[in-house]
PDB file of all heavy atoms in Angstrom:
ATOM      1  N   ILE A   1      96.914  89.003 120.281  1.00  0.00           N
ATOM      2  CA  ILE A   1      97.187  89.602 118.973  1.00  0.00           C
ATOM      3  C   ILE A   1      97.961  88.585 118.135  1.00  0.00           C
ATOM      4  O   ILE A   1      98.631  87.617 118.695  1.00  0.00           O
ATOM      5  CB  ILE A   1      97.955  90.919 119.059  1.00  0.00           C
ATOM      6  CG1 ILE A   1      99.296  90.649 119.763  1.00  0.00           C
ATOM      7  CG2 ILE A   1      97.206  91.992 119.823  1.00  0.00           C
ATOM      8  CD1 ILE A   1     100.360  91.747 119.526  1.00  0.00           C
ATOM      9  N   VAL A   2      97.924  88.738 116.816  1.00  0.00           N
ATOM     10  CA  VAL A   2      98.602  87.866 115.896  1.00  0.00           C
ATOM     11  C   VAL A   2      99.239  88.671 114.770  1.00  0.00           C
ATOM     12  O   VAL A   2      98.840  89.871 114.588  1.00  0.00           O
ATOM     13  CB  VAL A   2      97.629  86.858 115.301  1.00  0.00           C
ATOM     14  CG1 VAL A   2      97.110  85.863 116.291  1.00  0.00           C
ATOM     15  CG2 VAL A   2      96.527  87.457 114.538  1.00  0.00           C
ATOM     16  N   LEU A   3     100.136  88.155 114.126  1.00  0.00           N
ATOM     17  CA  LEU A   3     100.720  88.856 112.887  1.00  0.00           C
ATOM     18  C   LEU A   3      99.648  89.020 111.855  1.00  0.00           C
ATOM     19  O   LEU A   3      98.881  88.252 111.615  1.00  0.00           O
ATOM     20  CB  LEU A   3     101.818  87.954 112.297  1.00  0.00           C
ATOM     21  CG  LEU A   3     103.228  87.948 112.979  1.00  0.00           C
ATOM     22  CD1 LEU A   3     104.100  86.843 112.465  1.00  0.00           C
ATOM     23  CD2 LEU A   3     103.903  89.314 112.775  1.00  0.00           C
ATOM     24  N   LEU A   4      99.648  90.241 111.308  1.00  0.00           N
ATOM     25  CA  LEU A   4      98.699  90.555 110.314  1.00  0.00           C
ATOM     26  C   LEU A   4      98.784  89.673 109.105  1.00  0.00           C
ATOM     27  O   LEU A   4      97.821  89.234 108.439  1.00  0.00           O
ATOM     28  CB  LEU A   4      98.927  92.010 109.853  1.00  0.00           C
ATOM     29  CG  LEU A   4      97.959  92.489 108.677  1.00  0.00           C
ATOM     30  CD1 LEU A   4      96.542  92.375 109.050  1.00  0.00           C
ATOM     31  CD2 LEU A   4      98.253  93.991 108.397  1.00  0.00           C
ATOM     32  N   GLN A   5     100.013  89.173 108.784  1.00  0.00           N
ATOM     33  CA  GLN A   5     100.212  88.250 107.681  1.00  0.00           C
ATOM     34  C   GLN A   5      99.412  86.930 107.909  1.00  0.00           C
ATOM     35  O   GLN A   5      98.761  86.480 106.960  1.00  0.00           O
ATOM     36  CB  GLN A   5     101.755  87.950 107.553  1.00  0.00           C
ATOM     37  CG  GLN A   5     102.072  87.113 106.357  1.00  0.00           C
ATOM     38  CD  GLN A   5     103.536  86.857 106.271  1.00  0.00           C
ATOM     39  OE1 GLN A   5     104.207  86.685 107.310  1.00  0.00           O
ATOM     40  NE2 GLN A   5     104.100  86.747 105.097  1.00  0.00           N
ATOM     41  N   GLU A   6      99.455  86.422 109.129  1.00  0.00           N
ATOM     42  CA  GLU A   6      98.683  85.237 109.407  1.00  0.00           C
ATOM     43  C   GLU A   6      97.174  85.502 109.407  1.00  0.00           C
ATOM     44  O   GLU A   6      96.413  84.641 108.937  1.00  0.00           O
ATOM     45  CB  GLU A   6      99.059  84.694 110.847  1.00  0.00           C
ATOM     46  CG  GLU A   6     100.548  84.277 110.903  1.00  0.00           C
ATOM     47  CD  GLU A   6     100.903  83.798 112.223  1.00  0.00           C
ATOM     48  OE1 GLU A   6     100.040  83.863 113.156  1.00  0.00           O
ATOM     49  OE2 GLU A   6     102.057  83.412 112.500  1.00  0.00           O
ATOM     50  N   GLU A   7      96.812  86.656 109.911  1.00  0.00           N
ATOM     51  CA  GLU A   7      95.394  86.971 109.838  1.00  0.00           C
ATOM     52  C   GLU A   7      94.826  87.218 108.437  1.00  0.00           C
ATOM     53  O   GLU A   7      93.742  86.788 108.125  1.00  0.00           O
ATOM     54  CB  GLU A   7      95.105  88.279 110.656  1.00  0.00           C
ATOM     55  CG  GLU A   7      93.634  88.567 110.938  1.00  0.00           C
ATOM     56  CD  GLU A   7      93.048  87.785 112.049  1.00  0.00           C
ATOM     57  OE1 GLU A   7      93.705  86.909 112.651  1.00  0.00           O
ATOM     58  OE2 GLU A   7      91.864  88.025 112.399  1.00  0.00           O
ATOM     59  N   LEU A   8      95.672  87.653 107.596  1.00  0.00           N
ATOM     60  CA  LEU A   8      95.282  87.748 106.148  1.00  0.00           C
ATOM     61  C   LEU A   8      95.057  86.446 105.514  1.00  0.00           C
ATOM     62  O   LEU A   8      94.187  86.228 104.756  1.00  0.00           O
ATOM     63  CB  LEU A   8      96.366  88.605 105.410  1.00  0.00           C
ATOM     64  CG  LEU A   8      96.348  90.129 105.629  1.00  0.00           C
ATOM     65  CD1 LEU A   8      97.558  90.767 105.034  1.00  0.00           C
ATOM     66  CD2 LEU A   8      95.104  90.749 105.072  1.00  0.00           C
ATOM     67  N   LYS A   9      95.945  85.495 105.812  1.00  0.00           N
ATOM     68  CA  LYS A   9      95.759  84.154 105.260  1.00  0.00           C
ATOM     69  C   LYS A   9      94.561  83.542 105.821  1.00  0.00           C
ATOM     70  O   LYS A   9      93.812  82.895 104.950  1.00  0.00           O
ATOM     71  CB  LYS A   9      97.001  83.285 105.763  1.00  0.00           C
ATOM     72  CG  LYS A   9      96.972  81.869 105.180  1.00  0.00           C
ATOM     73  CD  LYS A   9      98.257  81.099 105.635  1.00  0.00           C
ATOM     74  CE  LYS A   9      98.211  79.681 105.015  1.00  0.00           C
ATOM     75  NZ  LYS A   9      97.029  78.892 105.482  1.00  0.00           N
ATOM     76  N   MET A  10      94.244  83.762 107.082  1.00  0.00           N
ATOM     77  CA  MET A  10      92.944  83.233 107.621  1.00  0.00           C
ATOM     78  C   MET A  10      91.812  83.904 106.904  1.00  0.00           C
ATOM     79  O   MET A  10      90.740  83.175 106.539  1.00  0.00           O
ATOM     80  CB  MET A  10      92.950  83.532 109.109  1.00  0.00           C
ATOM     81  CG  MET A  10      91.636  83.116 109.844  1.00  0.00           C
ATOM     82  SD  MET A  10      90.169  84.234 109.643  1.00  0.00           S
ATOM     83  CE  MET A  10      90.793  85.700 110.283  1.00  0.00           C
ATOM     84  N   ALA A  11      91.843  85.122 106.675  1.00  0.00           N
ATOM     85  CA  ALA A  11      90.774  85.841 106.003  1.00  0.00           C
ATOM     86  C   ALA A  11      90.504  85.369 104.568  1.00  0.00           C
ATOM     87  O   ALA A  11      89.314  85.282 104.180  1.00  0.00           O
ATOM     88  CB  ALA A  11      91.144  87.335 105.885  1.00  0.00           C
ATOM     89  N   LYS A  12      91.578  84.947 103.889  1.00  0.00           N
ATOM     90  CA  LYS A  12      91.364  84.351 102.527  1.00  0.00           C
ATOM     91  C   LYS A  12      90.680  83.026 102.558  1.00  0.00           C
ATOM     92  O   LYS A  12      89.811  82.713 101.717  1.00  0.00           O
ATOM     93  CB  LYS A  12      92.680  84.297 101.857  1.00  0.00           C
ATOM     94  CG  LYS A  12      93.304  85.686 101.475  1.00  0.00           C
ATOM     95  CD  LYS A  12      94.709  85.602 100.860  1.00  0.00           C
ATOM     96  CE  LYS A  12      95.294  86.909 100.579  1.00  0.00           C
ATOM     97  NZ  LYS A  12      96.608  86.905  99.981  1.00  0.00           N
ATOM     98  N   ASP A  13      91.122  82.257 103.584  1.00  0.00           N
ATOM     99  CA  ASP A  13      90.387  80.979 103.763  1.00  0.00           C
ATOM    100  C   ASP A  13      88.929  81.140 104.094  1.00  0.00           C
ATOM    101  O   ASP A  13      87.992  80.517 103.601  1.00  0.00           O
ATOM    102  CB  ASP A  13      91.127  80.135 104.872  1.00  0.00           C
ATOM    103  CG  ASP A  13      92.398  79.535 104.479  1.00  0.00           C
ATOM    104  OD1 ASP A  13      92.608  79.360 103.171  1.00  0.00           O
ATOM    105  OD2 ASP A  13      93.243  79.199 105.265  1.00  0.00           O
ATOM    106  N   TYR A  14      88.708  82.205 104.946  1.00  0.00           N
ATOM    107  CA  TYR A  14      87.363  82.473 105.415  1.00  0.00           C
ATOM    108  C   TYR A  14      86.507  82.918 104.244  1.00  0.00           C
ATOM    109  O   TYR A  14      85.391  82.568 104.151  1.00  0.00           O
ATOM    110  CB  TYR A  14      87.375  83.530 106.529  1.00  0.00           C
ATOM    111  CG  TYR A  14      86.093  83.885 107.072  1.00  0.00           C
ATOM    112  CD1 TYR A  14      85.266  82.925 107.690  1.00  0.00           C
ATOM    113  CD2 TYR A  14      85.598  85.189 107.022  1.00  0.00           C
ATOM    114  CE1 TYR A  14      83.980  83.289 108.170  1.00  0.00           C
ATOM    115  CE2 TYR A  14      84.382  85.566 107.533  1.00  0.00           C
ATOM    116  CZ  TYR A  14      83.585  84.572 108.136  1.00  0.00           C
ATOM    117  OH  TYR A  14      82.377  84.944 108.641  1.00  0.00           O
ATOM    118  N   PHE A  15      87.149  83.807 103.386  1.00  0.00           N
ATOM    119  CA  PHE A  15      86.301  84.297 102.297  1.00  0.00           C
ATOM    120  C   PHE A  15      86.037  83.179 101.221  1.00  0.00           C
ATOM    121  O   PHE A  15      84.992  83.237 100.606  1.00  0.00           O
ATOM    122  CB  PHE A  15      87.098  85.482 101.568  1.00  0.00           C
ATOM    123  CG  PHE A  15      86.107  86.215 100.633  1.00  0.00           C
ATOM    124  CD1 PHE A  15      85.286  87.161 101.169  1.00  0.00           C
ATOM    125  CD2 PHE A  15      86.200  86.037  99.340  1.00  0.00           C
ATOM    126  CE1 PHE A  15      84.400  87.792 100.392  1.00  0.00           C
ATOM    127  CE2 PHE A  15      85.399  86.721  98.447  1.00  0.00           C
ATOM    128  CZ  PHE A  15      84.457  87.633  99.038  1.00  0.00           C
ATOM    129  N   TYR A  16      86.933  82.194 101.129  1.00  0.00           N
ATOM    130  CA  TYR A  16      86.662  81.086 100.308  1.00  0.00           C
ATOM    131  C   TYR A  16      85.271  80.369 100.778  1.00  0.00           C
ATOM    132  O   TYR A  16      84.503  79.925  99.912  1.00  0.00           O
ATOM    133  CB  TYR A  16      87.754  80.065 100.355  1.00  0.00           C
ATOM    134  CG  TYR A  16      87.429  78.791  99.614  1.00  0.00           C
ATOM    135  CD1 TYR A  16      87.616  78.702  98.215  1.00  0.00           C
ATOM    136  CD2 TYR A  16      86.930  77.644 100.268  1.00  0.00           C
ATOM    137  CE1 TYR A  16      87.306  77.562  97.493  1.00  0.00           C
ATOM    138  CE2 TYR A  16      86.619  76.529  99.615  1.00  0.00           C
ATOM    139  CZ  TYR A  16      86.746  76.438  98.215  1.00  0.00           C
ATOM    140  OH  TYR A  16      86.426  75.235  97.569  1.00  0.00           O
ATOM    141  N   LEU A  17      85.199  80.214 102.119  1.00  0.00           N
ATOM    142  CA  LEU A  17      83.935  79.643 102.568  1.00  0.00           C
ATOM    143  C   LEU A  17      82.720  80.487 102.259  1.00  0.00           C
ATOM    144  O   LEU A  17      81.686  79.901 101.855  1.00  0.00           O
ATOM    145  CB  LEU A  17      83.981  79.491 104.143  1.00  0.00           C
ATOM    146  CG  LEU A  17      85.170  78.716 104.685  1.00  0.00           C
ATOM    147  CD1 LEU A  17      85.116  78.606 106.213  1.00  0.00           C
ATOM    148  CD2 LEU A  17      85.348  77.443 104.052  1.00  0.00           C
ATOM    149  N   ILE A  18      82.844  81.839 102.302  1.00  0.00           N
ATOM    150  CA  ILE A  18      81.798  82.714 101.979  1.00  0.00           C
ATOM    151  C   ILE A  18      81.367  82.547 100.504  1.00  0.00           C
ATOM    152  O   ILE A  18      80.198  82.501 100.107  1.00  0.00           O
ATOM    153  CB  ILE A  18      82.086  84.142 102.314  1.00  0.00           C
ATOM    154  CG1 ILE A  18      82.284  84.280 103.820  1.00  0.00           C
ATOM    155  CG2 ILE A  18      81.060  85.117 101.737  1.00  0.00           C
ATOM    156  CD1 ILE A  18      82.701  85.688 104.304  1.00  0.00           C
ATOM    157  N   GLN A  19      82.382  82.578  99.600  1.00  0.00           N
ATOM    158  CA  GLN A  19      82.133  82.461  98.196  1.00  0.00           C
ATOM    159  C   GLN A  19      81.452  81.105  97.871  1.00  0.00           C
ATOM    160  O   GLN A  19      80.607  81.071  97.003  1.00  0.00           O
ATOM    161  CB  GLN A  19      83.396  82.680  97.369  1.00  0.00           C
ATOM    162  CG  GLN A  19      83.867  84.131  97.283  1.00  0.00           C
ATOM    163  CD  GLN A  19      85.019  84.354  96.414  1.00  0.00           C
ATOM    164  OE1 GLN A  19      85.985  83.690  96.488  1.00  0.00           O
ATOM    165  NE2 GLN A  19      84.948  85.402  95.499  1.00  0.00           N
ATOM    166  N   THR A  20      81.916  80.070  98.504  1.00  0.00           N
ATOM    167  CA  THR A  20      81.369  78.792  98.252  1.00  0.00           C
ATOM    168  C   THR A  20      79.930  78.672  98.602  1.00  0.00           C
ATOM    169  O   THR A  20      79.096  78.178  98.025  1.00  0.00           O
ATOM    170  CB  THR A  20      82.124  77.638  99.037  1.00  0.00           C
ATOM    171  OG1 THR A  20      83.527  77.730  98.579  1.00  0.00           O
ATOM    172  CG2 THR A  20      81.625  76.305  98.733  1.00  0.00           C
ATOM    173  N   ARG A  21      79.584  79.369  99.760  1.00  0.00           N
ATOM    174  CA  ARG A  21      78.261  79.427 100.221  1.00  0.00           C
ATOM    175  C   ARG A  21      77.316  80.259  99.483  1.00  0.00           C
ATOM    176  O   ARG A  21      76.148  79.973  99.214  1.00  0.00           O
ATOM    177  CB  ARG A  21      78.331  79.844 101.722  1.00  0.00           C
ATOM    178  CG  ARG A  21      76.956  79.843 102.412  1.00  0.00           C
ATOM    179  CD  ARG A  21      77.103  80.287 103.872  1.00  0.00           C
ATOM    180  NE  ARG A  21      75.785  80.306 104.578  1.00  0.00           N
ATOM    181  CZ  ARG A  21      75.648  80.720 105.795  1.00  0.00           C
ATOM    182  NH1 ARG A  21      76.636  81.249 106.480  1.00  0.00           N
ATOM    183  NH2 ARG A  21      74.416  80.728 106.308  1.00  0.00           N
ATOM    184  N   TYR A  22      77.849  81.537  99.083  1.00  0.00           N
ATOM    185  CA  TYR A  22      76.972  82.485  98.433  1.00  0.00           C
ATOM    186  C   TYR A  22      77.219  82.721  96.975  1.00  0.00           C
ATOM    187  O   TYR A  22      76.544  83.512  96.308  1.00  0.00           O
ATOM    188  CB  TYR A  22      77.058  83.836  99.168  1.00  0.00           C
ATOM    189  CG  TYR A  22      76.606  83.754 100.564  1.00  0.00           C
ATOM    190  CD1 TYR A  22      77.512  83.822 101.651  1.00  0.00           C
ATOM    191  CD2 TYR A  22      75.245  83.632 100.890  1.00  0.00           C
ATOM    192  CE1 TYR A  22      77.095  83.754 103.004  1.00  0.00           C
ATOM    193  CE2 TYR A  22      74.802  83.643 102.218  1.00  0.00           C
ATOM    194  CZ  TYR A  22      75.734  83.683 103.258  1.00  0.00           C
ATOM    195  OH  TYR A  22      75.283  83.615 104.469  1.00  0.00           O
ATOM    196  N   GLY A  23      78.314  82.092  96.416  1.00  0.00           N
ATOM    197  CA  GLY A  23      78.532  82.245  95.032  1.00  0.00           C
ATOM    198  C   GLY A  23      79.157  83.648  94.758  1.00  0.00           C
ATOM    199  O   GLY A  23      80.015  84.154  95.440  1.00  0.00           O
ATOM    200  N   ASP A  24      78.714  84.226  93.618  1.00  0.00           N
ATOM    201  CA  ASP A  24      79.161  85.532  93.220  1.00  0.00           C
ATOM    202  C   ASP A  24      78.557  86.680  93.953  1.00  0.00           C
ATOM    203  O   ASP A  24      78.733  87.875  93.583  1.00  0.00           O
ATOM    204  CB  ASP A  24      78.933  85.690  91.630  1.00  0.00           C
ATOM    205  CG  ASP A  24      79.798  84.721  90.879  1.00  0.00           C
ATOM    206  OD1 ASP A  24      80.869  84.302  91.414  1.00  0.00           O
ATOM    207  OD2 ASP A  24      79.328  84.306  89.784  1.00  0.00           O
ATOM    208  N   ALA A  25      77.755  86.472  94.945  1.00  0.00           N
ATOM    209  CA  ALA A  25      77.102  87.467  95.664  1.00  0.00           C
ATOM    210  C   ALA A  25      78.182  88.385  96.438  1.00  0.00           C
ATOM    211  O   ALA A  25      77.893  89.567  96.725  1.00  0.00           O
ATOM    212  CB  ALA A  25      76.148  86.875  96.661  1.00  0.00           C
ATOM    213  N   TYR A  26      79.400  87.853  96.668  1.00  0.00           N
ATOM    214  CA  TYR A  26      80.452  88.576  97.357  1.00  0.00           C
ATOM    215  C   TYR A  26      81.735  88.371  96.543  1.00  0.00           C
ATOM    216  O   TYR A  26      82.068  87.295  96.039  1.00  0.00           O
ATOM    217  CB  TYR A  26      80.586  88.058  98.736  1.00  0.00           C
ATOM    218  CG  TYR A  26      79.455  88.277  99.626  1.00  0.00           C
ATOM    219  CD1 TYR A  26      78.460  87.318  99.727  1.00  0.00           C
ATOM    220  CD2 TYR A  26      79.247  89.469 100.363  1.00  0.00           C
ATOM    221  CE1 TYR A  26      77.300  87.499 100.511  1.00  0.00           C
ATOM    222  CE2 TYR A  26      78.111  89.693 101.111  1.00  0.00           C
ATOM    223  CZ  TYR A  26      77.160  88.656 101.182  1.00  0.00           C
ATOM    224  OH  TYR A  26      76.026  88.885 102.065  1.00  0.00           O
ATOM    225  N   THR A  27      82.401  89.539  96.352  1.00  0.00           N
ATOM    226  CA  THR A  27      83.772  89.527  95.798  1.00  0.00           C
ATOM    227  C   THR A  27      84.755  90.053  96.770  1.00  0.00           C
ATOM    228  O   THR A  27      84.379  90.920  97.585  1.00  0.00           O
ATOM    229  CB  THR A  27      83.848  90.274  94.443  1.00  0.00           C
ATOM    230  OG1 THR A  27      83.467  91.581  94.689  1.00  0.00           O
ATOM    231  CG2 THR A  27      82.833  89.710  93.455  1.00  0.00           C
ATOM    232  N   PHE A  28      86.019  89.717  96.630  1.00  0.00           N
ATOM    233  CA  PHE A  28      87.001  90.031  97.621  1.00  0.00           C
ATOM    234  C   PHE A  28      88.266  90.498  96.991  1.00  0.00           C
ATOM    235  O   PHE A  28      88.719  89.901  96.038  1.00  0.00           O
ATOM    236  CB  PHE A  28      87.267  88.733  98.464  1.00  0.00           C
ATOM    237  CG  PHE A  28      88.096  88.959  99.721  1.00  0.00           C
ATOM    238  CD1 PHE A  28      87.688  89.793 100.789  1.00  0.00           C
ATOM    239  CD2 PHE A  28      89.361  88.324  99.827  1.00  0.00           C
ATOM    240  CE1 PHE A  28      88.477  90.005 101.879  1.00  0.00           C
ATOM    241  CE2 PHE A  28      90.167  88.505 100.925  1.00  0.00           C
ATOM    242  CZ  PHE A  28      89.708  89.309 101.953  1.00  0.00           C
ATOM    243  N   GLU A  29      88.871  91.640  97.448  1.00  0.00           N
ATOM    244  CA  GLU A  29      90.100  92.199  96.929  1.00  0.00           C
ATOM    245  C   GLU A  29      91.046  92.645  98.061  1.00  0.00           C
ATOM    246  O   GLU A  29      90.516  93.370  98.966  1.00  0.00           O
ATOM    247  CB  GLU A  29      89.805  93.242  95.956  1.00  0.00           C
ATOM    248  CG  GLU A  29      90.967  93.887  95.266  1.00  0.00           C
ATOM    249  CD  GLU A  29      90.738  95.170  94.419  1.00  0.00           C
ATOM    250  OE1 GLU A  29      89.493  95.369  94.220  1.00  0.00           O
ATOM    251  OE2 GLU A  29      91.616  95.574  93.817  1.00  0.00           O
ATOM    252  N   VAL A  30      92.309  92.375  97.966  1.00  0.00           N
ATOM    253  CA  VAL A  30      93.255  92.825  98.986  1.00  0.00           C
ATOM    254  C   VAL A  30      94.328  93.652  98.276  1.00  0.00           C
ATOM    255  O   VAL A  30      94.904  93.172  97.357  1.00  0.00           O
ATOM    256  CB  VAL A  30      93.969  91.621  99.747  1.00  0.00           C
ATOM    257  CG1 VAL A  30      94.960  92.101 100.720  1.00  0.00           C
ATOM    258  CG2 VAL A  30      92.978  90.768 100.456  1.00  0.00           C
ATOM    259  N   VAL A  31      94.491  94.822  98.817  1.00  0.00           N
ATOM    260  CA  VAL A  31      95.576  95.749  98.286  1.00  0.00           C
ATOM    261  C   VAL A  31      96.460  96.271  99.368  1.00  0.00           C
ATOM    262  O   VAL A  31      96.033  96.745 100.315  1.00  0.00           O
ATOM    263  CB  VAL A  31      94.947  96.990  97.542  1.00  0.00           C
ATOM    264  CG1 VAL A  31      95.988  97.959  97.089  1.00  0.00           C
ATOM    265  CG2 VAL A  31      94.080  96.514  96.399  1.00  0.00           C
ATOM    266  N   ASP A  32      97.733  96.021  99.231  1.00  0.00           N
ATOM    267  CA  ASP A  32      98.737  96.377 100.247  1.00  0.00           C
ATOM    268  C   ASP A  32      99.496  97.558  99.827  1.00  0.00           C
ATOM    269  O   ASP A  32     100.225  97.575  98.867  1.00  0.00           O
ATOM    270  CB  ASP A  32      99.696  95.154 100.544  1.00  0.00           C
ATOM    271  CG  ASP A  32     100.650  95.428 101.769  1.00  0.00           C
ATOM    272  OD1 ASP A  32     100.620  96.530 102.211  1.00  0.00           O
ATOM    273  OD2 ASP A  32     101.193  94.500 102.195  1.00  0.00           O
ATOM    274  N   GLU A  33      99.269  98.774 100.545  1.00  0.00           N
ATOM    275  CA  GLU A  33      99.906  99.973 100.109  1.00  0.00           C
ATOM    276  C   GLU A  33     101.027 100.357 101.074  1.00  0.00           C
ATOM    277  O   GLU A  33     101.559 101.449 101.242  1.00  0.00           O
ATOM    278  CB  GLU A  33      98.833 101.136 100.166  1.00  0.00           C
ATOM    279  CG  GLU A  33      97.703 100.936  99.178  1.00  0.00           C
ATOM    280  CD  GLU A  33      96.724 101.985  99.327  1.00  0.00           C
ATOM    281  OE1 GLU A  33      96.775 102.805 100.188  1.00  0.00           O
ATOM    282  OE2 GLU A  33      95.779 102.086  98.447  1.00  0.00           O
ATOM    283  N   SER A  34     101.439  99.426 101.918  1.00  0.00           N
ATOM    284  CA  SER A  34     102.382  99.677 103.013  1.00  0.00           C
ATOM    285  C   SER A  34     103.850  99.172 102.787  1.00  0.00           C
ATOM    286  O   SER A  34     104.528  98.929 103.668  1.00  0.00           O
ATOM    287  CB  SER A  34     101.880  98.998 104.335  1.00  0.00           C
ATOM    288  OG  SER A  34     101.897  97.527 104.151  1.00  0.00           O
ATOM    289  N   ALA A  35     104.277  99.100 101.503  1.00  0.00           N
ATOM    290  CA  ALA A  35     105.589  98.676 101.155  1.00  0.00           C
ATOM    291  C   ALA A  35     106.588  99.649 101.794  1.00  0.00           C
ATOM    292  O   ALA A  35     106.535 100.822 101.584  1.00  0.00           O
ATOM    293  CB  ALA A  35     105.791  98.582  99.686  1.00  0.00           C
ATOM    294  N   ILE A  36     107.559  99.064 102.468  1.00  0.00           N
ATOM    295  CA  ILE A  36     108.625  99.886 103.096  1.00  0.00           C
ATOM    296  C   ILE A  36     110.013  99.142 102.826  1.00  0.00           C
ATOM    297  O   ILE A  36     110.001  98.021 102.420  1.00  0.00           O
ATOM    298  CB  ILE A  36     108.422  99.993 104.603  1.00  0.00           C
ATOM    299  CG1 ILE A  36     108.432  98.666 105.250  1.00  0.00           C
ATOM    300  CG2 ILE A  36     107.216 100.775 104.887  1.00  0.00           C
ATOM    301  CD1 ILE A  36     108.435  98.762 106.767  1.00  0.00           C
ATOM    302  N   LYS A  37     111.053  99.907 103.095  1.00  0.00           N
ATOM    303  CA  LYS A  37     112.407  99.370 102.900  1.00  0.00           C
ATOM    304  C   LYS A  37     112.677  98.372 104.077  1.00  0.00           C
ATOM    305  O   LYS A  37     112.552  98.781 105.187  1.00  0.00           O
ATOM    306  CB  LYS A  37     113.430 100.415 102.875  1.00  0.00           C
ATOM    307  CG  LYS A  37     113.341 101.358 101.652  1.00  0.00           C
ATOM    308  CD  LYS A  37     114.360 102.425 101.665  1.00  0.00           C
ATOM    309  CE  LYS A  37     114.307 103.339 100.472  1.00  0.00           C
ATOM    310  NZ  LYS A  37     115.327 104.365 100.510  1.00  0.00           N
ATOM    311  N   MET A  38     113.192  97.265 103.788  1.00  0.00           N
ATOM    312  CA  MET A  38     113.576  96.375 104.798  1.00  0.00           C
ATOM    313  C   MET A  38     114.902  96.779 105.411  1.00  0.00           C
ATOM    314  O   MET A  38     115.267  96.481 106.580  1.00  0.00           O
ATOM    315  CB  MET A  38     113.692  94.913 104.288  1.00  0.00           C
ATOM    316  CG  MET A  38     113.901  93.843 105.328  1.00  0.00           C
ATOM    317  SD  MET A  38     113.837  92.242 104.643  1.00  0.00           S
ATOM    318  CE  MET A  38     114.142  91.182 106.093  1.00  0.00           C
ATOM    319  N   SER A  39     115.821  97.409 104.630  1.00  0.00           N
ATOM    320  CA  SER A  39     117.084  97.746 105.001  1.00  0.00           C
ATOM    321  C   SER A  39     117.441  99.135 104.455  1.00  0.00           C
ATOM    322  O   SER A  39     117.029  99.439 103.421  1.00  0.00           O
ATOM    323  CB  SER A  39     118.156  96.733 104.561  1.00  0.00           C
ATOM    324  OG  SER A  39     119.436  97.196 104.817  1.00  0.00           O
ATOM    325  N   SER A  40     118.116  99.988 105.238  1.00  0.00           N
ATOM    326  CA  SER A  40     118.513 101.269 104.715  1.00  0.00           C
ATOM    327  C   SER A  40     119.817 101.207 103.909  1.00  0.00           C
ATOM    328  O   SER A  40     120.220 102.142 103.286  1.00  0.00           O
ATOM    329  CB  SER A  40     118.786 102.204 106.007  1.00  0.00           C
ATOM    330  OG  SER A  40     119.836 101.603 106.797  1.00  0.00           O
TER     331      SER A  40
END
């Protein structure tokens, strides 16, 4: 297993390869709805 943060960075690099290969045939959007308090 790996940190999700690192996996997301990898996913963005990976999607760059897809967009370069296929152009506008694919679009990519990331939305984080998991904001929480770091401290009480």
